Amino acid sequence: MGSLPDSGADIDVVTFDDPAEVAGLAASRLKGRHALVLTDYDGTLSQLVDKPSDAVVTGEVRQAFNSLASIPHLTLGVVSGRRMNDVIERVGPAAAFVAGLHGLEICGRGEEFSHRALDEVEPVIARLALAAERRLAWCPGCFLENKRWALTCHVRMAPPDAAERAFEEFEALAEPYLESRVLRLLIGSKAMELLPAADWNKGRAVNWIRARVARDTRTSVSVLYLGDDRTDEDAFTALAVDDFAVAVGTRPHSHMIDARLDGPHSVGEFFEEFKRLRQ
């Protein structure tokens, strides 16, 4: 399913799978086990948009997402590059666990996790945000998103040549902190992000959440993970043979996944069928 050449570059031609068929495969693999359903936000629950503030979950997808929370033996969560509180406001109470900043901050069911590296980089991010604002003022369509502990340069609205130059200048500003391993660089969809150089990612966040769900339910837990971004590949690599990986869109590599869906609308259809099969 979901045939895609193993290439580091985005491609235009890709095979998408039928949401109902994927739901059947996922339900079969997770049968008899507690299901931990984790999903990215941007590009998975919501469409990718020019400005992060404009990304919303449409009515049908939201209804399907929320309905999963009522299923017995299922825990729902979101793992995103956004700030944790931003995600909570956007998805509401249906998500029992929410991880922000690619897993550097997590909350759920009375527990919280905040990586110690966050406080260490806060002044660095503040300085870089000011410097980048001045340095990139020339670039039309360039948007800087200051997440307090991370800084993202968005170029979705910028002309291609300008976007490439903006990325080069943004990375150059951060170079001293990248070389000293204070920060690390993530490349997303028309975005470049600076984060603490901590040994932590979405895969580590998935394991953190899984461990707590297994402890609380006292049963075996299988993860169903959906994501559209290269950063979601860290989550895919953390999955075990009893888990199920769903790529959304074209970017995640095929060798890491079990199936591929064509955007948030297909994700909503998948959720509806998965709920029916789990009930």
C-alpha atoms as a PDB file:
ATOM      1  CA  MET A   1       0.000   0.000   0.000  1.00  0.00           C
ATOM      2  CA  GLY A   2       1.036   3.604  -0.453  1.00  0.00           C
ATOM      3  CA  SER A   3       3.849   3.099  -2.993  1.00  0.00           C
ATOM      4  CA  LEU A   4       6.421   5.871  -2.903  1.00  0.00           C
ATOM      5  CA  PRO A   5      10.058   5.809  -4.035  1.00  0.00           C
ATOM      6  CA  ASP A   6      12.551   6.159  -1.216  1.00  0.00           C
ATOM      7  CA  SER A   7      13.770   9.646  -1.932  1.00  0.00           C
ATOM      8  CA  GLY A   8      14.708  12.559   0.302  1.00  0.00           C
ATOM      9  CA  ALA A   9      12.870  15.009  -1.949  1.00  0.00           C
ATOM     10  CA  ASP A  10       9.162  15.691  -2.162  1.00  0.00           C
ATOM     11  CA  ILE A  11       7.525  14.242  -5.272  1.00  0.00           C
ATOM     12  CA  ASP A  12       4.336  14.906  -7.164  1.00  0.00           C
ATOM     13  CA  VAL A  13       3.199  11.370  -8.027  1.00  0.00           C
ATOM     14  CA  VAL A  14       2.126   9.149  -5.145  1.00  0.00           C
ATOM     15  CA  THR A  15      -0.445   6.445  -4.510  1.00  0.00           C
ATOM     16  CA  PHE A  16      -3.048   7.047  -1.824  1.00  0.00           C
ATOM     17  CA  ASP A  17      -4.997   4.304  -0.094  1.00  0.00           C
ATOM     18  CA  ASP A  18      -8.715   4.014   0.520  1.00  0.00           C
ATOM     19  CA  PRO A  19      -9.555   5.285   4.043  1.00  0.00           C
ATOM     20  CA  ALA A  20     -12.001   2.449   4.759  1.00  0.00           C
ATOM     21  CA  GLU A  21      -9.484  -0.189   3.674  1.00  0.00           C
ATOM     22  CA  VAL A  22      -6.773   1.381   5.822  1.00  0.00           C
ATOM     23  CA  ALA A  23      -9.139   1.486   8.800  1.00  0.00           C
ATOM     24  CA  GLY A  24      -9.835  -2.225   8.348  1.00  0.00           C
ATOM     25  CA  LEU A  25      -6.139  -3.066   8.329  1.00  0.00           C
ATOM     26  CA  ALA A  26      -5.448  -0.904  11.368  1.00  0.00           C
ATOM     27  CA  ALA A  27      -8.392  -2.301  13.319  1.00  0.00           C
ATOM     28  CA  SER A  28      -7.287  -5.853  12.521  1.00  0.00           C
ATOM     29  CA  ARG A  29      -3.729  -5.268  13.722  1.00  0.00           C
ATOM     30  CA  LEU A  30      -4.809  -3.515  16.929  1.00  0.00           C
ATOM     31  CA  LYS A  31      -7.591  -6.004  17.716  1.00  0.00           C
ATOM     32  CA  GLY A  32      -7.582  -7.132  21.324  1.00  0.00           C
ATOM     33  CA  ARG A  33      -5.196  -4.396  22.444  1.00  0.00           C
ATOM     34  CA  HIS A  34      -5.719  -0.949  23.891  1.00  0.00           C
ATOM     35  CA  ALA A  35      -5.440   1.520  20.998  1.00  0.00           C
ATOM     36  CA  LEU A  36      -3.389   4.672  21.474  1.00  0.00           C
ATOM     37  CA  VAL A  37      -4.333   6.895  18.541  1.00  0.00           C
ATOM     38  CA  LEU A  38      -1.854   9.724  18.044  1.00  0.00           C
ATOM     39  CA  THR A  39      -1.940  12.259  15.237  1.00  0.00           C
ATOM     40  CA  ASP A  40      -0.076  15.312  14.063  1.00  0.00           C
ATOM     41  CA  TYR A  41      -2.079  18.551  13.709  1.00  0.00           C
ATOM     42  CA  ASP A  42      -0.979  20.618  10.702  1.00  0.00           C
ATOM     43  CA  GLY A  43      -1.378  18.718   7.439  1.00  0.00           C
ATOM     44  CA  THR A  44      -3.070  15.795   9.197  1.00  0.00           C
ATOM     45  CA  LEU A  45      -6.050  17.120  11.141  1.00  0.00           C
ATOM     46  CA  SER A  46      -5.963  20.517   9.424  1.00  0.00           C
ATOM     47  CA  GLN A  47      -4.919  21.596   5.957  1.00  0.00           C
ATOM     48  CA  LEU A  48      -1.520  23.233   5.549  1.00  0.00           C
ATOM     49  CA  VAL A  49      -2.098  26.985   5.249  1.00  0.00           C
ATOM     50  CA  ASP A  50      -0.007  30.096   4.712  1.00  0.00           C
ATOM     51  CA  LYS A  51      -0.168  31.218   8.343  1.00  0.00           C
ATOM     52  CA  PRO A  52      -0.232  28.772  11.278  1.00  0.00           C
ATOM     53  CA  SER A  53      -2.914  30.822  13.023  1.00  0.00           C
ATOM     54  CA  ASP A  54      -5.306  30.082  10.146  1.00  0.00           C
ATOM     55  CA  ALA A  55      -5.081  26.290  10.454  1.00  0.00           C
ATOM     56  CA  VAL A  56      -8.387  24.891  11.713  1.00  0.00           C
ATOM     57  CA  VAL A  57      -9.937  21.441  11.853  1.00  0.00           C
ATOM     58  CA  THR A  58     -13.032  21.341   9.640  1.00  0.00           C
ATOM     59  CA  GLY A  59     -16.387  20.254  11.014  1.00  0.00           C
ATOM     60  CA  GLU A  60     -16.435  16.714   9.600  1.00  0.00           C
ATOM     61  CA  VAL A  61     -12.861  15.943  10.626  1.00  0.00           C
ATOM     62  CA  ARG A  62     -13.417  17.437  14.081  1.00  0.00           C
ATOM     63  CA  GLN A  63     -16.570  15.394  14.578  1.00  0.00           C
ATOM     64  CA  ALA A  64     -14.785  12.204  13.563  1.00  0.00           C
ATOM     65  CA  PHE A  65     -11.801  13.011  15.790  1.00  0.00           C
ATOM     66  CA  ASN A  66     -13.973  13.834  18.797  1.00  0.00           C
ATOM     67  CA  SER A  67     -16.046  10.684  18.354  1.00  0.00           C
ATOM     68  CA  LEU A  68     -12.980   8.489  18.874  1.00  0.00           C
ATOM     69  CA  ALA A  69     -12.667   9.707  22.452  1.00  0.00           C
ATOM     70  CA  SER A  70     -15.864   7.876  23.424  1.00  0.00           C
ATOM     71  CA  ILE A  71     -14.678   4.446  22.295  1.00  0.00           C
ATOM     72  CA  PRO A  72     -13.764   1.984  25.083  1.00  0.00           C
ATOM     73  CA  HIS A  73     -10.160   0.781  25.206  1.00  0.00           C
ATOM     74  CA  LEU A  74      -8.911   3.744  23.154  1.00  0.00           C
ATOM     75  CA  THR A  75      -6.837   6.776  24.119  1.00  0.00           C
ATOM     76  CA  LEU A  76      -6.606   9.786  21.813  1.00  0.00           C
ATOM     77  CA  GLY A  77      -3.762  12.288  21.546  1.00  0.00           C
ATOM     78  CA  VAL A  78      -2.011  14.849  19.367  1.00  0.00           C
ATOM     79  CA  VAL A  79       1.740  15.199  18.805  1.00  0.00           C
ATOM     80  CA  SER A  80       2.613  18.489  17.108  1.00  0.00           C
ATOM     81  CA  GLY A  81       5.345  20.997  16.433  1.00  0.00           C
ATOM     82  CA  ARG A  82       3.055  23.724  17.767  1.00  0.00           C
ATOM     83  CA  ARG A  83       3.148  24.904  21.352  1.00  0.00           C
ATOM     84  CA  MET A  84       1.254  22.513  23.578  1.00  0.00           C
ATOM     85  CA  ASN A  85      -1.291  25.078  24.780  1.00  0.00           C
ATOM     86  CA  ASP A  86      -1.987  26.133  21.203  1.00  0.00           C
ATOM     87  CA  VAL A  87      -2.839  22.534  20.298  1.00  0.00           C
ATOM     88  CA  ILE A  88      -5.050  22.124  23.363  1.00  0.00           C
ATOM     89  CA  GLU A  89      -7.051  25.196  22.380  1.00  0.00           C
ATOM     90  CA  ARG A  90      -7.477  23.892  18.830  1.00  0.00           C
ATOM     91  CA  VAL A  91      -8.457  20.271  19.508  1.00  0.00           C
ATOM     92  CA  GLY A  92     -10.336  20.620  22.771  1.00  0.00           C
ATOM     93  CA  PRO A  93     -10.876  17.982  25.466  1.00  0.00           C
ATOM     94  CA  ALA A  94     -11.120  14.955  23.163  1.00  0.00           C
ATOM     95  CA  ALA A  95      -7.326  14.544  23.253  1.00  0.00           C
ATOM     96  CA  ALA A  96      -6.291  12.846  26.484  1.00  0.00           C
ATOM     97  CA  PHE A  97      -2.634  13.634  25.746  1.00  0.00           C
ATOM     98  CA  VAL A  98      -1.107  16.557  23.884  1.00  0.00           C
ATOM     99  CA  ALA A  99       2.563  16.945  22.988  1.00  0.00           C
ATOM    100  CA  GLY A 100       3.930  20.235  21.713  1.00  0.00           C
ATOM    101  CA  LEU A 101       7.236  21.387  20.243  1.00  0.00           C
ATOM    102  CA  HIS A 102       7.768  17.935  18.698  1.00  0.00           C
ATOM    103  CA  GLY A 103       7.396  16.324  22.119  1.00  0.00           C
ATOM    104  CA  LEU A 104       9.491  18.684  24.237  1.00  0.00           C
ATOM    105  CA  GLU A 105       6.392  19.515  26.280  1.00  0.00           C
ATOM    106  CA  ILE A 106       3.617  17.001  27.028  1.00  0.00           C
ATOM    107  CA  CYS A 107       0.544  16.927  29.229  1.00  0.00           C
ATOM    108  CA  GLY A 108      -2.223  14.445  29.839  1.00  0.00           C
ATOM    109  CA  ARG A 109      -4.343  12.922  32.576  1.00  0.00           C
ATOM    110  CA  GLY A 110      -2.808  14.991  35.343  1.00  0.00           C
ATOM    111  CA  GLU A 111       0.817  14.554  34.285  1.00  0.00           C
ATOM    112  CA  GLU A 112       3.143  17.047  32.622  1.00  0.00           C
ATOM    113  CA  PHE A 113       6.552  16.786  31.017  1.00  0.00           C
ATOM    114  CA  SER A 114       8.814  19.682  30.099  1.00  0.00           C
ATOM    115  CA  HIS A 115      12.291  18.979  28.801  1.00  0.00           C
ATOM    116  CA  ARG A 116      15.005  20.665  30.833  1.00  0.00           C
ATOM    117  CA  ALA A 117      16.560  22.090  27.669  1.00  0.00           C
ATOM    118  CA  LEU A 118      13.646  24.482  27.155  1.00  0.00           C
ATOM    119  CA  ASP A 119      14.614  27.002  29.816  1.00  0.00           C
ATOM    120  CA  GLU A 120      18.238  26.920  28.685  1.00  0.00           C
ATOM    121  CA  VAL A 121      17.406  28.103  25.165  1.00  0.00           C
ATOM    122  CA  GLU A 122      14.753  30.697  25.965  1.00  0.00           C
ATOM    123  CA  PRO A 123      17.174  33.686  25.957  1.00  0.00           C
ATOM    124  CA  VAL A 124      18.887  32.364  22.830  1.00  0.00           C
ATOM    125  CA  ILE A 125      15.582  32.146  20.960  1.00  0.00           C
ATOM    126  CA  ALA A 126      14.671  35.659  22.108  1.00  0.00           C
ATOM    127  CA  ARG A 127      17.922  37.066  20.691  1.00  0.00           C
ATOM    128  CA  LEU A 128      17.607  35.175  17.443  1.00  0.00           C
ATOM    129  CA  ALA A 129      13.995  36.260  16.990  1.00  0.00           C
ATOM    130  CA  LEU A 130      15.010  39.928  17.158  1.00  0.00           C
ATOM    131  CA  ALA A 131      17.983  39.403  14.851  1.00  0.00           C
ATOM    132  CA  ALA A 132      15.946  37.408  12.329  1.00  0.00           C
ATOM    133  CA  GLU A 133      13.179  40.002  12.294  1.00  0.00           C
ATOM    134  CA  ARG A 134      15.692  42.664  11.256  1.00  0.00           C
ATOM    135  CA  ARG A 135      17.652  40.418   8.895  1.00  0.00           C
ATOM    136  CA  LEU A 136      14.642  39.064   6.999  1.00  0.00           C
ATOM    137  CA  ALA A 137      12.590  42.251   6.815  1.00  0.00           C
ATOM    138  CA  TRP A 138      13.422  42.457   3.109  1.00  0.00           C
ATOM    139  CA  CYS A 139      11.685  39.141   2.262  1.00  0.00           C
ATOM    140  CA  PRO A 140       8.060  39.397   1.061  1.00  0.00           C
ATOM    141  CA  GLY A 141       5.895  36.615   2.437  1.00  0.00           C
ATOM    142  CA  CYS A 142       8.396  35.531   5.090  1.00  0.00           C
ATOM    143  CA  PHE A 143       6.811  35.006   8.496  1.00  0.00           C
ATOM    144  CA  LEU A 144       8.640  34.384  11.782  1.00  0.00           C
ATOM    145  CA  GLU A 145       6.849  32.376  14.478  1.00  0.00           C
ATOM    146  CA  ASN A 146       8.333  32.795  17.951  1.00  0.00           C
ATOM    147  CA  LYS A 147       7.304  29.842  20.136  1.00  0.00           C
ATOM    148  CA  ARG A 148       9.377  31.038  23.127  1.00  0.00           C
ATOM    149  CA  TRP A 149      11.508  27.896  23.100  1.00  0.00           C
ATOM    150  CA  ALA A 150      11.620  27.514  19.330  1.00  0.00           C
ATOM    151  CA  LEU A 151      11.737  29.828  16.332  1.00  0.00           C
ATOM    152  CA  THR A 152      10.257  28.999  12.936  1.00  0.00           C
ATOM    153  CA  CYS A 153      10.820  30.755   9.623  1.00  0.00           C
ATOM    154  CA  HIS A 154       7.796  30.226   7.341  1.00  0.00           C
ATOM    155  CA  VAL A 155       8.166  30.959   3.629  1.00  0.00           C
ATOM    156  CA  ARG A 156       4.985  29.466   2.177  1.00  0.00           C
ATOM    157  CA  MET A 157       3.898  32.908   0.930  1.00  0.00           C
ATOM    158  CA  ALA A 158       7.340  33.963  -0.326  1.00  0.00           C
ATOM    159  CA  PRO A 159       8.542  33.756  -3.965  1.00  0.00           C
ATOM    160  CA  PRO A 160      10.754  30.659  -4.443  1.00  0.00           C
ATOM    161  CA  ASP A 161      14.019  32.560  -4.942  1.00  0.00           C
ATOM    162  CA  ALA A 162      13.340  34.789  -1.964  1.00  0.00           C
ATOM    163  CA  ALA A 163      12.354  31.799   0.151  1.00  0.00           C
ATOM    164  CA  GLU A 164      15.628  30.022  -0.574  1.00  0.00           C
ATOM    165  CA  ARG A 165      17.641  33.118   0.322  1.00  0.00           C
ATOM    166  CA  ALA A 166      15.605  33.655   3.488  1.00  0.00           C
ATOM    167  CA  PHE A 167      16.342  30.099   4.608  1.00  0.00           C
ATOM    168  CA  GLU A 168      20.062  30.619   3.973  1.00  0.00           C
ATOM    169  CA  GLU A 169      20.135  33.810   6.015  1.00  0.00           C
ATOM    170  CA  PHE A 170      18.029  32.327   8.801  1.00  0.00           C
ATOM    171  CA  GLU A 171      20.361  29.349   9.102  1.00  0.00           C
ATOM    172  CA  ALA A 172      23.419  31.628   8.987  1.00  0.00           C
ATOM    173  CA  LEU A 173      22.106  33.596  11.971  1.00  0.00           C
ATOM    174  CA  ALA A 174      21.770  30.392  13.947  1.00  0.00           C
ATOM    175  CA  GLU A 175      25.060  28.840  12.845  1.00  0.00           C
ATOM    176  CA  PRO A 176      27.021  29.580  16.064  1.00  0.00           C
ATOM    177  CA  TYR A 177      24.307  27.939  18.155  1.00  0.00           C
ATOM    178  CA  LEU A 178      24.049  25.001  15.767  1.00  0.00           C
ATOM    179  CA  GLU A 179      27.809  24.428  15.846  1.00  0.00           C
ATOM    180  CA  SER A 180      27.885  24.588  19.654  1.00  0.00           C
ATOM    181  CA  ARG A 181      24.906  22.197  19.792  1.00  0.00           C
ATOM    182  CA  VAL A 182      22.725  24.609  21.703  1.00  0.00           C
ATOM    183  CA  LEU A 183      20.126  24.431  18.935  1.00  0.00           C
ATOM    184  CA  ARG A 184      19.198  22.012  16.182  1.00  0.00           C
ATOM    185  CA  LEU A 185      17.542  22.673  12.844  1.00  0.00           C
ATOM    186  CA  LEU A 186      14.383  21.027  11.523  1.00  0.00           C
ATOM    187  CA  ILE A 187      13.234  21.370   7.925  1.00  0.00           C
ATOM    188  CA  GLY A 188       9.486  21.168   7.402  1.00  0.00           C
ATOM    189  CA  SER A 189       7.004  22.041   4.676  1.00  0.00           C
ATOM    190  CA  LYS A 190       8.070  25.529   3.556  1.00  0.00           C
ATOM    191  CA  ALA A 191       9.435  26.079   7.060  1.00  0.00           C
ATOM    192  CA  MET A 192      12.733  25.974   8.919  1.00  0.00           C
ATOM    193  CA  GLU A 193      12.678  25.632  12.694  1.00  0.00           C
ATOM    194  CA  LEU A 194      15.236  26.106  15.458  1.00  0.00           C
ATOM    195  CA  LEU A 195      14.773  23.936  18.556  1.00  0.00           C
ATOM    196  CA  PRO A 196      16.834  22.922  21.595  1.00  0.00           C
ATOM    197  CA  ALA A 197      19.516  20.424  20.617  1.00  0.00           C
ATOM    198  CA  ALA A 198      18.070  17.815  22.941  1.00  0.00           C
ATOM    199  CA  ASP A 199      17.945  14.084  22.308  1.00  0.00           C
ATOM    200  CA  TRP A 200      14.155  14.213  22.145  1.00  0.00           C
ATOM    201  CA  ASN A 201      11.653  14.067  19.301  1.00  0.00           C
ATOM    202  CA  LYS A 202       8.168  12.861  18.390  1.00  0.00           C
ATOM    203  CA  GLY A 203       9.276   9.255  18.715  1.00  0.00           C
ATOM    204  CA  ARG A 204      10.409   9.787  22.293  1.00  0.00           C
ATOM    205  CA  ALA A 205       7.110  11.557  22.977  1.00  0.00           C
ATOM    206  CA  VAL A 206       5.151   8.575  21.608  1.00  0.00           C
ATOM    207  CA  ASN A 207       7.032   6.234  23.950  1.00  0.00           C
ATOM    208  CA  TRP A 208       6.469   8.568  26.926  1.00  0.00           C
ATOM    209  CA  ILE A 209       2.732   8.630  26.292  1.00  0.00           C
ATOM    210  CA  ARG A 210       2.534   4.890  25.569  1.00  0.00           C
ATOM    211  CA  ALA A 211       4.242   4.067  28.870  1.00  0.00           C
ATOM    212  CA  ARG A 212       1.692   6.080  30.844  1.00  0.00           C
ATOM    213  CA  VAL A 213      -1.290   4.649  29.010  1.00  0.00           C
ATOM    214  CA  ALA A 214       0.029   1.112  29.571  1.00  0.00           C
ATOM    215  CA  ARG A 215       0.556   1.852  33.254  1.00  0.00           C
ATOM    216  CA  ASP A 216      -2.923   3.319  33.687  1.00  0.00           C
ATOM    217  CA  THR A 217      -4.790   0.667  31.685  1.00  0.00           C
ATOM    218  CA  ARG A 218      -2.644  -2.256  32.865  1.00  0.00           C
ATOM    219  CA  THR A 219      -2.866  -3.787  29.434  1.00  0.00           C
ATOM    220  CA  SER A 220      -0.944  -4.064  26.189  1.00  0.00           C
ATOM    221  CA  VAL A 221      -1.006  -0.859  24.153  1.00  0.00           C
ATOM    222  CA  SER A 222      -0.642  -0.544  20.388  1.00  0.00           C
ATOM    223  CA  VAL A 223      -0.080   2.811  18.744  1.00  0.00           C
ATOM    224  CA  LEU A 224      -1.896   4.046  15.664  1.00  0.00           C
ATOM    225  CA  TYR A 225       0.058   7.093  14.473  1.00  0.00           C
ATOM    226  CA  LEU A 226      -0.885   9.499  11.675  1.00  0.00           C
ATOM    227  CA  GLY A 227       1.414  12.241  10.403  1.00  0.00           C
ATOM    228  CA  ASP A 228       2.316  14.191   7.286  1.00  0.00           C
ATOM    229  CA  ASP A 229       5.755  15.633   8.012  1.00  0.00           C
ATOM    230  CA  ARG A 230       9.374  14.536   8.026  1.00  0.00           C
ATOM    231  CA  THR A 231       9.327  15.086  11.808  1.00  0.00           C
ATOM    232  CA  ASP A 232       6.636  12.411  12.046  1.00  0.00           C
ATOM    233  CA  GLU A 233       9.154   9.905  10.726  1.00  0.00           C
ATOM    234  CA  ASP A 234      10.736  10.011  14.193  1.00  0.00           C
ATOM    235  CA  ALA A 235       7.412   8.709  15.505  1.00  0.00           C
ATOM    236  CA  PHE A 236       7.143   6.086  12.779  1.00  0.00           C
ATOM    237  CA  THR A 237      10.582   4.692  13.631  1.00  0.00           C
ATOM    238  CA  ALA A 238       9.555   4.358  17.286  1.00  0.00           C
ATOM    239  CA  LEU A 239       6.644   2.064  16.431  1.00  0.00           C
ATOM    240  CA  ALA A 240       6.681  -1.685  17.003  1.00  0.00           C
ATOM    241  CA  VAL A 241       5.324  -4.568  14.947  1.00  0.00           C
ATOM    242  CA  ASP A 242       1.960  -4.403  16.703  1.00  0.00           C
ATOM    243  CA  ASP A 243       1.577  -0.689  15.889  1.00  0.00           C
ATOM    244  CA  PHE A 244       0.258   0.934  12.724  1.00  0.00           C
ATOM    245  CA  ALA A 245       1.764   3.893  10.832  1.00  0.00           C
ATOM    246  CA  VAL A 246      -0.269   6.100   8.483  1.00  0.00           C
ATOM    247  CA  ALA A 247       1.348   8.786   6.349  1.00  0.00           C
ATOM    248  CA  VAL A 248      -0.833  11.709   5.315  1.00  0.00           C
ATOM    249  CA  GLY A 249       0.174  13.377   2.064  1.00  0.00           C
ATOM    250  CA  THR A 250       3.295  12.743   0.037  1.00  0.00           C
ATOM    251  CA  ARG A 251       6.254  13.444   2.268  1.00  0.00           C
ATOM    252  CA  PRO A 252       6.843  10.607   4.764  1.00  0.00           C
ATOM    253  CA  HIS A 253       8.870   7.798   3.193  1.00  0.00           C
ATOM    254  CA  SER A 254       7.010   4.618   2.255  1.00  0.00           C
ATOM    255  CA  HIS A 255       9.392   2.210   3.960  1.00  0.00           C
ATOM    256  CA  MET A 256       8.328   3.624   7.349  1.00  0.00           C
ATOM    257  CA  ILE A 257       4.561   3.320   6.930  1.00  0.00           C
ATOM    258  CA  ASP A 258       1.717   0.830   6.559  1.00  0.00           C
ATOM    259  CA  ALA A 259      -0.575   3.066   4.492  1.00  0.00           C
ATOM    260  CA  ARG A 260      -0.975   6.545   3.049  1.00  0.00           C
ATOM    261  CA  LEU A 261      -3.999   8.875   3.104  1.00  0.00           C
ATOM    262  CA  ASP A 262      -4.715  11.895   0.938  1.00  0.00           C
ATOM    263  CA  GLY A 263      -5.066  14.745   3.413  1.00  0.00           C
ATOM    264  CA  PRO A 264      -7.273  15.672   6.379  1.00  0.00           C
ATOM    265  CA  HIS A 265     -10.539  14.813   4.623  1.00  0.00           C
ATOM    266  CA  SER A 266      -9.369  11.222   4.169  1.00  0.00           C
ATOM    267  CA  VAL A 267      -8.195  11.204   7.787  1.00  0.00           C
ATOM    268  CA  GLY A 268     -11.739  12.075   8.862  1.00  0.00           C
ATOM    269  CA  GLU A 269     -13.169   9.232   6.773  1.00  0.00           C
ATOM    270  CA  PHE A 270     -10.569   6.881   8.237  1.00  0.00           C
ATOM    271  CA  PHE A 271     -11.511   7.884  11.794  1.00  0.00           C
ATOM    272  CA  GLU A 272     -15.198   7.274  11.106  1.00  0.00           C
ATOM    273  CA  GLU A 273     -14.586   3.765   9.788  1.00  0.00           C
ATOM    274  CA  PHE A 274     -12.024   2.933  12.459  1.00  0.00           C
ATOM    275  CA  LYS A 275     -14.536   3.938  15.132  1.00  0.00           C
ATOM    276  CA  ARG A 276     -17.202   1.712  13.566  1.00  0.00           C
ATOM    277  CA  LEU A 277     -14.854  -1.262  13.516  1.00  0.00           C
ATOM    278  CA  ARG A 278     -13.646  -0.759  17.103  1.00  0.00           C
ATOM    279  CA  GLN A 279     -17.121  -0.466  18.620  1.00  0.00           C
END
